[in-house]
Amino acid sequence: MGVADRAAVALSVDFARLAEAGGVSPPGNRMKVIQRASVGEIRLVSTSPAVGGVPETRIVVYPPADEESRKLTEAFAASMIR
């Protein structure tokens, strides 16, 4: 359990119950699906690496989850440039 989770447990009885029951997910990769009218459904994987030397700071990167989503992401990006 991370620092933020421990602080939440200390401040919230409800959060403490969720954490105890395993209802709080650890940091990790997650799937994000977005729907764009111009290209359709794009599946992305969120990755949150820590930023070294800057406590409580992180970045979130959304690379395509598969080859089809990579192509759709490129098509969507190209459509935004025109």
C-alpha atoms as a PDB file:
ATOM      1  CA  MET A   1       0.000   0.000   0.000  1.00  0.00           C
ATOM      2  CA  GLY A   2       1.426   3.382  -1.019  1.00  0.00           C
ATOM      3  CA  VAL A   3       1.781   6.539   1.054  1.00  0.00           C
ATOM      4  CA  ALA A   4      -1.378   8.086  -0.371  1.00  0.00           C
ATOM      5  CA  ASP A   5      -3.362   4.905   0.329  1.00  0.00           C
ATOM      6  CA  ARG A   6      -2.093   4.753   3.939  1.00  0.00           C
ATOM      7  CA  ALA A   7      -3.089   8.409   4.419  1.00  0.00           C
ATOM      8  CA  ALA A   8      -6.554   7.719   2.987  1.00  0.00           C
ATOM      9  CA  VAL A   9      -6.965   4.714   5.317  1.00  0.00           C
ATOM     10  CA  ALA A  10      -6.051   6.926   8.265  1.00  0.00           C
ATOM     11  CA  LEU A  11      -8.635   9.541   7.237  1.00  0.00           C
ATOM     12  CA  SER A  12     -11.498   7.439   5.923  1.00  0.00           C
ATOM     13  CA  VAL A  13     -13.240   4.476   7.517  1.00  0.00           C
ATOM     14  CA  ASP A  14     -14.871   3.633   4.166  1.00  0.00           C
ATOM     15  CA  PHE A  15     -11.531   3.635   2.344  1.00  0.00           C
ATOM     16  CA  ALA A  16     -10.038   1.494   5.108  1.00  0.00           C
ATOM     17  CA  ARG A  17     -12.822  -1.076   4.620  1.00  0.00           C
ATOM     18  CA  LEU A  18     -12.271  -1.108   0.843  1.00  0.00           C
ATOM     19  CA  ALA A  19      -8.500  -1.504   1.258  1.00  0.00           C
ATOM     20  CA  GLU A  20      -8.956  -4.316   3.778  1.00  0.00           C
ATOM     21  CA  ALA A  21     -11.365  -6.145   1.433  1.00  0.00           C
ATOM     22  CA  GLY A  22      -8.963  -5.819  -1.508  1.00  0.00           C
ATOM     23  CA  GLY A  23     -11.151  -3.254  -3.264  1.00  0.00           C
ATOM     24  CA  VAL A  24      -8.280  -0.821  -3.827  1.00  0.00           C
ATOM     25  CA  SER A  25      -6.170  -1.591  -6.875  1.00  0.00           C
ATOM     26  CA  PRO A  26      -2.421  -1.128  -6.738  1.00  0.00           C
ATOM     27  CA  PRO A  27      -0.749   1.141  -9.298  1.00  0.00           C
ATOM     28  CA  GLY A  28      -0.235  -0.549 -12.629  1.00  0.00           C
ATOM     29  CA  ASN A  29      -1.187  -0.611 -16.262  1.00  0.00           C
ATOM     30  CA  ARG A  30      -4.836  -0.049 -17.130  1.00  0.00           C
ATOM     31  CA  MET A  31      -6.800  -0.271 -20.391  1.00  0.00           C
ATOM     32  CA  LYS A  32      -8.459   2.906 -21.640  1.00  0.00           C
ATOM     33  CA  VAL A  33     -10.856   2.719 -24.575  1.00  0.00           C
ATOM     34  CA  ILE A  34     -11.800   5.890 -26.410  1.00  0.00           C
ATOM     35  CA  GLN A  35     -14.315   6.269 -29.223  1.00  0.00           C
ATOM     36  CA  ARG A  36     -13.567   8.792 -31.963  1.00  0.00           C
ATOM     37  CA  ALA A  37     -16.190   9.386 -34.663  1.00  0.00           C
ATOM     38  CA  SER A  38     -13.471   9.778 -37.303  1.00  0.00           C
ATOM     39  CA  VAL A  39     -11.620   6.497 -36.664  1.00  0.00           C
ATOM     40  CA  GLY A  40     -13.658   4.348 -34.248  1.00  0.00           C
ATOM     41  CA  GLU A  41     -12.557   2.617 -31.050  1.00  0.00           C
ATOM     42  CA  ILE A  42      -8.942   3.071 -29.923  1.00  0.00           C
ATOM     43  CA  ARG A  43      -7.572   0.892 -27.102  1.00  0.00           C
ATOM     44  CA  LEU A  44      -4.772   2.421 -25.040  1.00  0.00           C
ATOM     45  CA  VAL A  45      -2.787   1.120 -22.067  1.00  0.00           C
ATOM     46  CA  SER A  46      -2.115   3.684 -19.358  1.00  0.00           C
ATOM     47  CA  THR A  47       1.310   3.485 -17.781  1.00  0.00           C
ATOM     48  CA  SER A  48       2.239   5.732 -14.847  1.00  0.00           C
ATOM     49  CA  PRO A  49       5.985   5.889 -14.269  1.00  0.00           C
ATOM     50  CA  ALA A  50       7.216   7.795 -11.237  1.00  0.00           C
ATOM     51  CA  VAL A  51       9.112  11.029 -11.775  1.00  0.00           C
ATOM     52  CA  GLY A  52      12.442  10.651  -9.991  1.00  0.00           C
ATOM     53  CA  GLY A  53      13.292  13.273  -7.413  1.00  0.00           C
ATOM     54  CA  VAL A  54       9.840  14.850  -7.415  1.00  0.00           C
ATOM     55  CA  PRO A  55       7.669  13.292  -4.664  1.00  0.00           C
ATOM     56  CA  GLU A  56       3.977  12.741  -5.411  1.00  0.00           C
ATOM     57  CA  THR A  57       4.531  13.546  -9.099  1.00  0.00           C
ATOM     58  CA  ARG A  58       3.880  11.165 -11.956  1.00  0.00           C
ATOM     59  CA  ILE A  59       3.242  11.189 -15.649  1.00  0.00           C
ATOM     60  CA  VAL A  60       0.682   9.109 -17.487  1.00  0.00           C
ATOM     61  CA  VAL A  61       1.537   7.677 -20.895  1.00  0.00           C
ATOM     62  CA  TYR A  62      -1.110   6.148 -23.165  1.00  0.00           C
ATOM     63  CA  PRO A  63       0.543   3.935 -25.801  1.00  0.00           C
ATOM     64  CA  PRO A  64      -1.713   1.943 -28.159  1.00  0.00           C
ATOM     65  CA  ALA A  65      -2.653  -1.480 -26.800  1.00  0.00           C
ATOM     66  CA  ASP A  66      -2.317  -3.266 -30.143  1.00  0.00           C
ATOM     67  CA  GLU A  67      -1.352  -2.788 -33.793  1.00  0.00           C
ATOM     68  CA  GLU A  68      -4.884  -1.853 -34.896  1.00  0.00           C
ATOM     69  CA  SER A  69      -5.067   0.840 -32.213  1.00  0.00           C
ATOM     70  CA  ARG A  70      -1.627   2.136 -33.256  1.00  0.00           C
ATOM     71  CA  LYS A  71      -2.871   2.584 -36.829  1.00  0.00           C
ATOM     72  CA  LEU A  72      -6.086   4.255 -35.637  1.00  0.00           C
ATOM     73  CA  THR A  73      -4.096   6.588 -33.357  1.00  0.00           C
ATOM     74  CA  GLU A  74      -1.898   7.618 -36.290  1.00  0.00           C
ATOM     75  CA  ALA A  75      -4.972   8.176 -38.483  1.00  0.00           C
ATOM     76  CA  PHE A  76      -6.626  10.271 -35.791  1.00  0.00           C
ATOM     77  CA  ALA A  77      -3.455  12.335 -35.253  1.00  0.00           C
ATOM     78  CA  ALA A  78      -3.160  12.912 -39.010  1.00  0.00           C
ATOM     79  CA  SER A  79      -6.796  14.057 -39.177  1.00  0.00           C
ATOM     80  CA  MET A  80      -6.095  16.668 -36.480  1.00  0.00           C
ATOM     81  CA  ILE A  81      -3.217  18.193 -38.486  1.00  0.00           C
ATOM     82  CA  ARG A  82      -5.248  18.909 -41.639  1.00  0.00           C
END
